[in-house]
C-alpha atoms as a PDB file:
ATOM      1  CA  MET A   1     122.194 182.585 163.135  1.00  0.00           C
ATOM      2  CA  ASP A   2     119.774 181.512 160.267  1.00  0.00           C
ATOM      3  CA  THR A   3     123.247 179.780 158.282  1.00  0.00           C
ATOM      4  CA  THR A   4     123.401 177.909 161.823  1.00  0.00           C
ATOM      5  CA  LEU A   5     120.172 176.637 162.662  1.00  0.00           C
ATOM      6  CA  ALA A   6     119.393 175.559 158.941  1.00  0.00           C
ATOM      7  CA  SER A   7     123.118 173.362 159.610  1.00  0.00           C
ATOM      8  CA  GLN A   8     121.395 171.994 162.315  1.00  0.00           C
ATOM      9  CA  LYS A   9     118.759 170.764 160.672  1.00  0.00           C
ATOM     10  CA  VAL A  10     120.194 169.179 157.902  1.00  0.00           C
ATOM     11  CA  GLN A  11     122.648 167.505 160.505  1.00  0.00           C
ATOM     12  CA  ALA A  12     119.437 166.128 162.614  1.00  0.00           C
ATOM     13  CA  ALA A  13     118.020 164.779 159.227  1.00  0.00           C
ATOM     14  CA  ALA A  14     121.103 162.776 158.182  1.00  0.00           C
ATOM     15  CA  CYS A  15     121.233 161.188 161.246  1.00  0.00           C
ATOM     16  CA  THR A  16     117.329 160.564 160.985  1.00  0.00           C
ATOM     17  CA  LEU A  17     117.879 158.842 157.578  1.00  0.00           C
ATOM     18  CA  ARG A  18     121.198 157.045 158.748  1.00  0.00           C
ATOM     19  CA  ARG A  19     119.068 155.178 161.425  1.00  0.00           C
ATOM     20  CA  SER A  20     116.195 154.351 158.749  1.00  0.00           C
ATOM     21  CA  LEU A  21     118.504 152.593 156.543  1.00  0.00           C
ATOM     22  CA  GLY A  22     119.667 150.642 159.700  1.00  0.00           C
ATOM     23  CA  VAL A  23     116.660 149.498 160.355  1.00  0.00           C
ATOM     24  CA  VAL A  24     115.623 148.766 156.798  1.00  0.00           C
ATOM     25  CA  ILE A  25     119.199 146.964 155.849  1.00  0.00           C
ATOM     26  CA  ALA A  26     118.686 144.585 159.439  1.00  0.00           C
ATOM     27  CA  ALA A  27     115.119 143.672 158.257  1.00  0.00           C
ATOM     28  CA  VAL A  28     116.507 142.840 154.832  1.00  0.00           C
ATOM     29  CA  LEU A  29     119.430 140.638 156.522  1.00  0.00           C
ATOM     30  CA  MET A  30     116.717 138.876 158.647  1.00  0.00           C
ATOM     31  CA  PHE A  31     114.669 138.308 155.781  1.00  0.00           C
ATOM     32  CA  LEU A  32     117.658 136.575 153.551  1.00  0.00           C
ATOM     33  CA  VAL A  33     118.557 134.826 156.617  1.00  0.00           C
ATOM     34  CA  ALA A  34     114.989 133.513 157.468  1.00  0.00           C
ATOM     35  CA  CYS A  35     114.695 132.255 153.173  1.00  0.00           C
ATOM     36  CA  GLU A  36     117.913 130.773 153.333  1.00  0.00           C
ATOM     37  CA  HIS A  37     116.919 128.960 156.745  1.00  0.00           C
ATOM     38  CA  SER A  38     113.663 128.125 154.414  1.00  0.00           C
ATOM     39  CA  ASP A  39     115.086 126.606 151.883  1.00  0.00           C
ATOM     40  CA  SER A  40     117.596 124.306 153.258  1.00  0.00           C
ATOM     41  CA  VAL A  41     114.615 122.761 155.308  1.00  0.00           C
ATOM     42  CA  SER A  42     113.726 119.168 154.182  1.00  0.00           C
ATOM     43  CA  ASP A  43     111.033 118.021 152.610  1.00  0.00           C
ATOM     44  CA  ALA A  44     111.068 115.015 155.732  1.00  0.00           C
ATOM     45  CA  THR A  45     111.687 117.968 158.209  1.00  0.00           C
ATOM     46  CA  ALA A  46     108.883 119.970 157.306  1.00  0.00           C
ATOM     47  CA  GLU A  47     105.897 117.230 156.784  1.00  0.00           C
ATOM     48  CA  GLN A  48     106.563 117.059 160.587  1.00  0.00           C
ATOM     49  CA  GLU A  49     104.927 120.950 160.833  1.00  0.00           C
ATOM     50  CA  VAL A  50     101.767 121.414 162.918  1.00  0.00           C
ATOM     51  CA  ASN A  51      99.975 122.701 159.184  1.00  0.00           C
ATOM     52  CA  TYR A  52     100.942 120.211 157.491  1.00  0.00           C
ATOM     53  CA  GLN A  53     100.122 117.231 159.604  1.00  0.00           C
ATOM     54  CA  ARG A  54      96.508 119.118 159.843  1.00  0.00           C
ATOM     55  CA  ALA A  55      96.196 119.287 156.390  1.00  0.00           C
ATOM     56  CA  ARG A  56      96.968 115.549 156.003  1.00  0.00           C
ATOM     57  CA  HIS A  57      94.455 114.891 158.683  1.00  0.00           C
ATOM     58  CA  LEU A  58      91.609 116.560 156.782  1.00  0.00           C
ATOM     59  CA  CYS A  59      91.999 114.813 153.826  1.00  0.00           C
ATOM     60  CA  GLU A  60      91.342 111.604 155.008  1.00  0.00           C
ATOM     61  CA  GLN A  61      87.919 113.429 156.435  1.00  0.00           C
ATOM     62  CA  GLN A  62      87.360 114.544 153.045  1.00  0.00           C
ATOM     63  CA  ASP A  63      87.541 118.154 154.056  1.00  0.00           C
ATOM     64  CA  PHE A  64      88.997 119.325 150.837  1.00  0.00           C
ATOM     65  CA  PRO A  65      88.736 122.834 151.630  1.00  0.00           C
ATOM     66  CA  GLY A  66      90.119 122.790 154.709  1.00  0.00           C
ATOM     67  CA  ALA A  67      93.092 120.637 153.864  1.00  0.00           C
ATOM     68  CA  ALA A  68      93.819 123.264 151.240  1.00  0.00           C
ATOM     69  CA  GLU A  69      93.545 126.202 153.762  1.00  0.00           C
ATOM     70  CA  PHE A  70      96.452 124.282 155.583  1.00  0.00           C
ATOM     71  CA  PHE A  71      98.422 123.249 153.078  1.00  0.00           C
ATOM     72  CA  ASN A  72      98.894 126.763 152.073  1.00  0.00           C
ATOM     73  CA  ARG A  73      99.844 127.612 155.786  1.00  0.00           C
ATOM     74  CA  ALA A  74     102.407 125.199 155.236  1.00  0.00           C
ATOM     75  CA  LEU A  75     103.812 126.713 152.542  1.00  0.00           C
ATOM     76  CA  LEU A  76     103.856 129.842 154.630  1.00  0.00           C
ATOM     77  CA  VAL A  77     105.909 128.296 156.876  1.00  0.00           C
ATOM     78  CA  ASN A  78     108.194 126.352 154.194  1.00  0.00           C
ATOM     79  CA  PRO A  79     107.873 128.240 150.934  1.00  0.00           C
ATOM     80  CA  ALA A  80     110.764 125.596 149.332  1.00  0.00           C
ATOM     81  CA  PHE A  81     108.123 122.790 150.363  1.00  0.00           C
ATOM     82  CA  ALA A  82     107.983 121.093 147.421  1.00  0.00           C
ATOM     83  CA  ASN A  83     105.938 118.321 148.436  1.00  0.00           C
ATOM     84  CA  ALA A  84     103.313 120.686 149.709  1.00  0.00           C
ATOM     85  CA  HIS A  85     102.890 122.158 145.701  1.00  0.00           C
ATOM     86  CA  LEU A  86     102.385 118.660 145.119  1.00  0.00           C
ATOM     87  CA  GLU A  87      99.861 117.729 147.075  1.00  0.00           C
ATOM     88  CA  LEU A  88      97.829 120.907 146.914  1.00  0.00           C
ATOM     89  CA  GLY A  89      97.956 120.524 142.709  1.00  0.00           C
ATOM     90  CA  LEU A  90      96.437 117.103 143.207  1.00  0.00           C
ATOM     91  CA  LEU A  91      93.765 118.787 145.401  1.00  0.00           C
ATOM     92  CA  TYR A  92      92.835 121.386 143.197  1.00  0.00           C
ATOM     93  CA  GLU A  93      92.619 119.788 140.207  1.00  0.00           C
ATOM     94  CA  ASN A  94      90.985 116.203 141.488  1.00  0.00           C
ATOM     95  CA  ARG A  95      88.625 117.551 144.421  1.00  0.00           C
ATOM     96  CA  LEU A  96      87.947 121.066 144.196  1.00  0.00           C
ATOM     97  CA  ALA A  97      87.899 121.369 139.974  1.00  0.00           C
ATOM     98  CA  ASP A  98      90.443 124.362 139.751  1.00  0.00           C
ATOM     99  CA  PRO A  99      93.003 123.433 137.310  1.00  0.00           C
ATOM    100  CA  ILE A 100      94.542 127.028 137.027  1.00  0.00           C
ATOM    101  CA  SER A 101      95.357 126.585 140.811  1.00  0.00           C
ATOM    102  CA  ALA A 102      96.725 123.023 140.115  1.00  0.00           C
ATOM    103  CA  ILE A 103      98.747 123.792 137.235  1.00  0.00           C
ATOM    104  CA  TYR A 104     100.448 126.447 139.456  1.00  0.00           C
ATOM    105  CA  HIS A 105     101.499 124.295 142.167  1.00  0.00           C
ATOM    106  CA  TYR A 106     102.497 121.563 139.661  1.00  0.00           C
ATOM    107  CA  ARG A 107     104.885 123.796 138.441  1.00  0.00           C
ATOM    108  CA  ARG A 108     106.294 125.659 141.414  1.00  0.00           C
ATOM    109  CA  PHE A 109     106.889 121.512 142.808  1.00  0.00           C
ATOM    110  CA  LEU A 110     108.923 121.187 139.249  1.00  0.00           C
ATOM    111  CA  GLU A 111     110.834 124.783 139.646  1.00  0.00           C
ATOM    112  CA  LEU A 112     111.563 123.114 143.070  1.00  0.00           C
ATOM    113  CA  ARG A 113     112.599 119.743 142.150  1.00  0.00           C
ATOM    114  CA  PRO A 114     114.076 119.638 138.541  1.00  0.00           C
ATOM    115  CA  ASP A 115     115.893 116.355 138.903  1.00  0.00           C
ATOM    116  CA  SER A 116     112.291 114.753 140.572  1.00  0.00           C
ATOM    117  CA  ASP A 117     111.979 111.196 139.461  1.00  0.00           C
ATOM    118  CA  LYS A 118     108.135 112.231 139.451  1.00  0.00           C
ATOM    119  CA  LYS A 119     108.929 114.999 136.865  1.00  0.00           C
ATOM    120  CA  GLN A 120     107.678 113.087 134.013  1.00  0.00           C
ATOM    121  CA  LEU A 121     104.505 112.206 136.196  1.00  0.00           C
ATOM    122  CA  VAL A 122     103.814 116.186 137.018  1.00  0.00           C
ATOM    123  CA  GLU A 123     104.597 116.995 133.310  1.00  0.00           C
ATOM    124  CA  ASP A 124     101.398 114.762 132.715  1.00  0.00           C
ATOM    125  CA  PHE A 125      99.543 115.827 135.286  1.00  0.00           C
ATOM    126  CA  ILE A 126     100.173 119.791 133.708  1.00  0.00           C
ATOM    127  CA  GLU A 127      98.694 118.569 130.254  1.00  0.00           C
ATOM    128  CA  ARG A 128      95.817 116.997 131.862  1.00  0.00           C
ATOM    129  CA  ALA A 129      94.988 120.171 133.935  1.00  0.00           C
ATOM    130  CA  LYS A 130      95.392 122.086 130.770  1.00  0.00           C
ATOM    131  CA  LEU A 131      92.738 120.118 128.936  1.00  0.00           C
ATOM    132  CA  SER A 132      90.384 120.154 132.262  1.00  0.00           C
ATOM    133  CA  LEU A 133      90.702 123.984 131.869  1.00  0.00           C
ATOM    134  CA  ALA A 134      90.010 123.693 127.771  1.00  0.00           C
ATOM    135  CA  ALA A 135      86.807 122.051 129.134  1.00  0.00           C
ATOM    136  CA  LYS A 136      85.150 124.528 130.782  1.00  0.00           C
ATOM    137  CA  LEU A 137      86.312 127.432 128.579  1.00  0.00           C
ATOM    138  CA  PRO A 138      84.658 126.201 125.599  1.00  0.00           C
ATOM    139  CA  GLN A 139      83.722 129.497 124.360  1.00  0.00           C
ATOM    140  CA  SER A 140      87.122 131.232 125.117  1.00  0.00           C
ATOM    141  CA  PRO A 141      88.745 132.918 122.218  1.00  0.00           C
ATOM    142  CA  ILE A 142      91.799 130.863 122.911  1.00  0.00           C
ATOM    143  CA  VAL A 143      89.909 127.652 122.769  1.00  0.00           C
ATOM    144  CA  ASP A 144      89.165 126.439 119.513  1.00  0.00           C
ATOM    145  CA  PRO A 145      85.812 124.652 119.480  1.00  0.00           C
ATOM    146  CA  GLY A 146      86.816 122.823 116.436  1.00  0.00           C
ATOM    147  CA  GLU A 147      89.483 121.189 118.249  1.00  0.00           C
ATOM    148  CA  LEU A 148      87.744 120.398 121.298  1.00  0.00           C
ATOM    149  CA  THR A 149      85.738 118.374 119.126  1.00  0.00           C
ATOM    150  CA  ARG A 150      88.134 116.849 116.870  1.00  0.00           C
ATOM    151  CA  LEU A 151      89.650 115.850 119.940  1.00  0.00           C
ATOM    152  CA  GLU A 152      86.367 114.265 121.250  1.00  0.00           C
ATOM    153  CA  ASN A 153      85.503 112.432 118.189  1.00  0.00           C
ATOM    154  CA  GLU A 154      89.644 111.276 117.983  1.00  0.00           C
ATOM    155  CA  LYS A 155      88.473 110.024 121.878  1.00  0.00           C
ATOM    156  CA  THR A 156      85.773 107.959 120.675  1.00  0.00           C
ATOM    157  CA  ALA A 157      87.003 106.376 117.952  1.00  0.00           C
ATOM    158  CA  LEU A 158      90.356 104.989 119.934  1.00  0.00           C
ATOM    159  CA  LEU A 159      87.985 103.331 122.318  1.00  0.00           C
ATOM    160  CA  GLN A 160      86.155 102.097 119.691  1.00  0.00           C
ATOM    161  CA  GLU A 161      89.051 100.794 118.238  1.00  0.00           C
ATOM    162  CA  ASN A 162      89.989  99.462 121.890  1.00  0.00           C
ATOM    163  CA  ALA A 163      86.957  97.547 121.439  1.00  0.00           C
ATOM    164  CA  ALA A 164      87.191  95.921 117.959  1.00  0.00           C
ATOM    165  CA  LEU A 165      90.439  94.827 118.980  1.00  0.00           C
ATOM    166  CA  ARG A 166      89.381  93.384 122.376  1.00  0.00           C
ATOM    167  CA  THR A 167      86.831  91.406 120.144  1.00  0.00           C
ATOM    168  CA  LEU A 168      89.737  90.226 117.899  1.00  0.00           C
ATOM    169  CA  VAL A 169      91.769  89.068 120.680  1.00  0.00           C
ATOM    170  CA  ALA A 170      88.946  87.207 122.169  1.00  0.00           C
ATOM    171  CA  GLU A 171      88.240  85.405 118.645  1.00  0.00           C
ATOM    172  CA  LEU A 172      91.831  84.590 117.957  1.00  0.00           C
ATOM    173  CA  GLU A 173      92.158  82.927 121.465  1.00  0.00           C
ATOM    174  CA  LYS A 174      89.253  80.601 120.474  1.00  0.00           C
ATOM    175  CA  VAL A 175      90.723  79.895 117.452  1.00  0.00           C
ATOM    176  CA  GLY A 176      94.223  79.008 119.592  1.00  0.00           C
ATOM    177  CA  ASN A 177      92.612  76.870 121.901  1.00  0.00           C
ATOM    178  CA  ALA A 178      90.289  75.255 118.875  1.00  0.00           C
ATOM    179  CA  ALA A 179      93.924  74.592 117.722  1.00  0.00           C
ATOM    180  CA  GLN A 180      95.357  73.114 120.467  1.00  0.00           C
ATOM    181  CA  LEU A 181      92.551  71.102 121.347  1.00  0.00           C
ATOM    182  CA  VAL A 182      92.619  68.872 117.729  1.00  0.00           C
ATOM    183  CA  ALA A 183      96.803  69.210 118.163  1.00  0.00           C
ATOM    184  CA  THR A 184      96.528  67.037 121.632  1.00  0.00           C
ATOM    185  CA  THR A 185      93.067  64.289 120.457  1.00  0.00           C
ATOM    186  CA  PRO A 186      94.228  61.477 119.320  1.00  0.00           C
ATOM    187  CA  THR A 187      93.075  60.760 115.601  1.00  0.00           C
ATOM    188  CA  THR A 188      91.633  57.518 114.246  1.00  0.00           C
ATOM    189  CA  VAL A 189      91.679  56.734 110.484  1.00  0.00           C
ATOM    190  CA  THR A 190      88.932  54.444 109.249  1.00  0.00           C
ATOM    191  CA  VAL A 191      89.447  53.096 105.845  1.00  0.00           C
ATOM    192  CA  ALA A 192      86.376  52.882 104.192  1.00  0.00           C
ATOM    193  CA  SER A 193      85.066  49.817 102.260  1.00  0.00           C
ATOM    194  CA  ALA A 194      84.995  50.279  98.312  1.00  0.00           C
ATOM    195  CA  ALA A 195      81.456  51.770  97.772  1.00  0.00           C
ATOM    196  CA  PRO A 196      79.401  50.029  95.084  1.00  0.00           C
ATOM    197  CA  PRO A 197      79.126  50.750  92.238  1.00  0.00           C
ATOM    198  CA  VAL A 198      76.508  53.051  91.160  1.00  0.00           C
ATOM    199  CA  PRO A 199      73.754  51.611  88.229  1.00  0.00           C
ATOM    200  CA  THR A 200      73.628  53.407  84.963  1.00  0.00           C
ATOM    201  CA  THR A 201      70.292  54.663  83.342  1.00  0.00           C
ATOM    202  CA  ALA A 202      69.487  56.082  80.137  1.00  0.00           C
ATOM    203  CA  THR A 203      69.166  59.596  81.841  1.00  0.00           C
ATOM    204  CA  THR A 204      72.280  59.275  84.654  1.00  0.00           C
ATOM    205  CA  PRO A 205      75.495  59.106  82.863  1.00  0.00           C
ATOM    206  CA  ALA A 206      77.938  57.170  84.401  1.00  0.00           C
ATOM    207  CA  VAL A 207      80.649  58.474  86.789  1.00  0.00           C
ATOM    208  CA  ALA A 208      84.198  57.085  86.938  1.00  0.00           C
ATOM    209  CA  PRO A 209      85.345  56.716  90.544  1.00  0.00           C
ATOM    210  CA  GLY A 210      87.144  59.177  91.774  1.00  0.00           C
ATOM    211  CA  ILE A 211      86.215  61.885  89.262  1.00  0.00           C
ATOM    212  CA  VAL A 212      84.498  64.928  90.941  1.00  0.00           C
ATOM    213  CA  MET A 213      81.974  66.921  88.301  1.00  0.00           C
ATOM    214  CA  ALA A 214      82.588  70.542  88.459  1.00  0.00           C
ATOM    215  CA  ALA A 215      79.958  72.868  89.059  1.00  0.00           C
ATOM    216  CA  ALA A 216      78.938  75.212  86.279  1.00  0.00           C
ATOM    217  CA  PRO A 217      80.331  78.255  86.625  1.00  0.00           C
ATOM    218  CA  ILE A 218      78.570  81.185  87.992  1.00  0.00           C
ATOM    219  CA  MET A 219      78.139  84.382  84.930  1.00  0.00           C
ATOM    220  CA  SER A 220      77.559  87.684  86.302  1.00  0.00           C
ATOM    221  CA  THR A 221      74.944  89.487  84.772  1.00  0.00           C
ATOM    222  CA  PRO A 222      74.361  93.064  84.578  1.00  0.00           C
ATOM    223  CA  GLU A 223      71.963  92.935  87.197  1.00  0.00           C
ATOM    224  CA  THR A 224      74.621  91.909  89.555  1.00  0.00           C
ATOM    225  CA  SER A 225      76.836  94.889  88.289  1.00  0.00           C
ATOM    226  CA  THR A 226      74.385  97.188  88.886  1.00  0.00           C
ATOM    227  CA  MET A 227      73.879  95.730  92.305  1.00  0.00           C
ATOM    228  CA  GLU A 228      77.700  96.165  93.244  1.00  0.00           C
ATOM    229  CA  SER A 229      77.920  99.622  92.072  1.00  0.00           C
ATOM    230  CA  SER A 230      74.684 100.644  94.150  1.00  0.00           C
ATOM    231  CA  ARG A 231      76.774  99.415  97.300  1.00  0.00           C
ATOM    232  CA  VAL A 232      79.242 102.396  97.071  1.00  0.00           C
ATOM    233  CA  ARG A 233      78.390 105.009  99.801  1.00  0.00           C
ATOM    234  CA  THR A 234      78.924 108.749 100.358  1.00  0.00           C
ATOM    235  CA  TYR A 235      79.259 110.282 103.457  1.00  0.00           C
ATOM    236  CA  THR A 236      78.721 113.969 104.298  1.00  0.00           C
ATOM    237  CA  VAL A 237      81.899 115.733 106.394  1.00  0.00           C
ATOM    238  CA  GLN A 238      81.327 116.831 109.799  1.00  0.00           C
ATOM    239  CA  ARG A 239      83.173 119.108 112.092  1.00  0.00           C
ATOM    240  CA  GLY A 240      85.805 117.064 113.767  1.00  0.00           C
ATOM    241  CA  ASP A 241      85.911 114.305 111.064  1.00  0.00           C
ATOM    242  CA  THR A 242      89.065 113.045 110.532  1.00  0.00           C
ATOM    243  CA  LEU A 243      89.906 110.027 107.618  1.00  0.00           C
ATOM    244  CA  GLN A 244      91.295 107.894 110.254  1.00  0.00           C
ATOM    245  CA  SER A 245      88.158 108.386 112.879  1.00  0.00           C
ATOM    246  CA  LEU A 246      86.051 107.405 109.235  1.00  0.00           C
ATOM    247  CA  ALA A 247      88.238 104.530 107.969  1.00  0.00           C
ATOM    248  CA  LEU A 248      87.728 103.102 112.193  1.00  0.00           C
ATOM    249  CA  ARG A 249      83.800 103.898 111.552  1.00  0.00           C
ATOM    250  CA  TYR A 250      83.302 101.958 108.114  1.00  0.00           C
ATOM    251  CA  TYR A 251      86.466  99.296 108.348  1.00  0.00           C
ATOM    252  CA  GLY A 252      87.011  98.878 112.263  1.00  0.00           C
ATOM    253  CA  SER A 253      90.620  99.746 111.641  1.00  0.00           C
ATOM    254  CA  ARG A 254      92.062 103.587 111.320  1.00  0.00           C
ATOM    255  CA  ALA A 255      94.956 102.484 109.519  1.00  0.00           C
ATOM    256  CA  ALA A 256      92.639 101.454 106.468  1.00  0.00           C
ATOM    257  CA  TRP A 257      92.395 105.554 105.757  1.00  0.00           C
ATOM    258  CA  GLU A 258      94.021 105.196 102.774  1.00  0.00           C
ATOM    259  CA  ARG A 259      90.982 103.285 100.842  1.00  0.00           C
ATOM    260  CA  ILE A 260      89.050 106.373 101.524  1.00  0.00           C
ATOM    261  CA  PHE A 261      91.699 108.940 100.643  1.00  0.00           C
ATOM    262  CA  GLN A 262      92.381 107.103  97.055  1.00  0.00           C
ATOM    263  CA  ALA A 263      89.046 106.831  96.490  1.00  0.00           C
ATOM    264  CA  ASN A 264      88.183 110.636  96.798  1.00  0.00           C
ATOM    265  CA  ARG A 265      91.730 112.519  95.510  1.00  0.00           C
ATOM    266  CA  SER A 266      90.309 114.383  92.522  1.00  0.00           C
ATOM    267  CA  GLY A 267      89.058 116.248  95.503  1.00  0.00           C
ATOM    268  CA  LEU A 268      91.388 116.090  98.434  1.00  0.00           C
ATOM    269  CA  PRO A 269      94.612 117.624  97.893  1.00  0.00           C
ATOM    270  CA  SER A 270      96.019 115.854 101.179  1.00  0.00           C
ATOM    271  CA  LYS A 271      94.732 113.770 103.635  1.00  0.00           C
ATOM    272  CA  ASP A 272      94.718 116.980 106.221  1.00  0.00           C
ATOM    273  CA  GLN A 273      91.993 118.892 104.256  1.00  0.00           C
ATOM    274  CA  LEU A 274      88.958 117.644 104.677  1.00  0.00           C
ATOM    275  CA  LYS A 275      85.762 120.297 104.356  1.00  0.00           C
ATOM    276  CA  VAL A 276      82.899 120.287 106.417  1.00  0.00           C
ATOM    277  CA  GLY A 277      79.863 119.390 103.993  1.00  0.00           C
ATOM    278  CA  GLN A 278      82.267 117.936 101.809  1.00  0.00           C
ATOM    279  CA  GLN A 279      80.853 114.857  99.864  1.00  0.00           C
ATOM    280  CA  LEU A 280      83.115 111.436 100.166  1.00  0.00           C
ATOM    281  CA  VAL A 281      82.721 108.340  98.494  1.00  0.00           C
ATOM    282  CA  ILE A 282      83.105 105.248 100.643  1.00  0.00           C
ATOM    283  CA  PRO A 283      84.522 101.830  98.810  1.00  0.00           C
END
């Protein structure tokens, strides 16, 4: 009797388990079908979805937090909606100051659209967001403050070099315009009459026509050499300095870094081994 009762309980449990497995399998199949359907939805179709349209409208009204909320709702409806990820990346980076979220959505766009013609542009957006994140975390152990300083110095040096190049181009344009004006202006040749003879006196030697008196050569003196040697400059290396940035500061061109390097070869094993506090000769 006990054996029969136990057998009936086992059979009832088995039936319950089979029904539960059937429900689970049906749910999984429905989920897979839904995912397949969402992946097949084109961006053009997804852009007609009400949440996406609402998000775009809120962007136009400058309600950026609200727009981000509705873009995320659009992704819940269509998880493979690549353009929504791109919109969210730009929104988080440029409007909501959240570079971490921006990087996530940029990468999701590239995963969904690996062959997009915007691939290089989005990769540049990711690098820009990384720099923004590094600037927000100057005390983080994964971010080197010296590297940030070096990048800032490089940026300043590039801006100065750009300004110097613009000035040089403007001067060259002025010279070119002047040369063109001279080339297009007719010239008149005037033949001068013979100059009257210069009377000679006992104190003024006669000079034959066409002979130019040479000026006496200027001889260097010990005082002149001392003044020239006193022009040698020294500079104390600061954090973030490079030979290129120093060349731009003193000579107006980053390409002149070799002058400083050659003048300091005894203390510089290579051009990239500057030490903070090191004294450099600036020739």
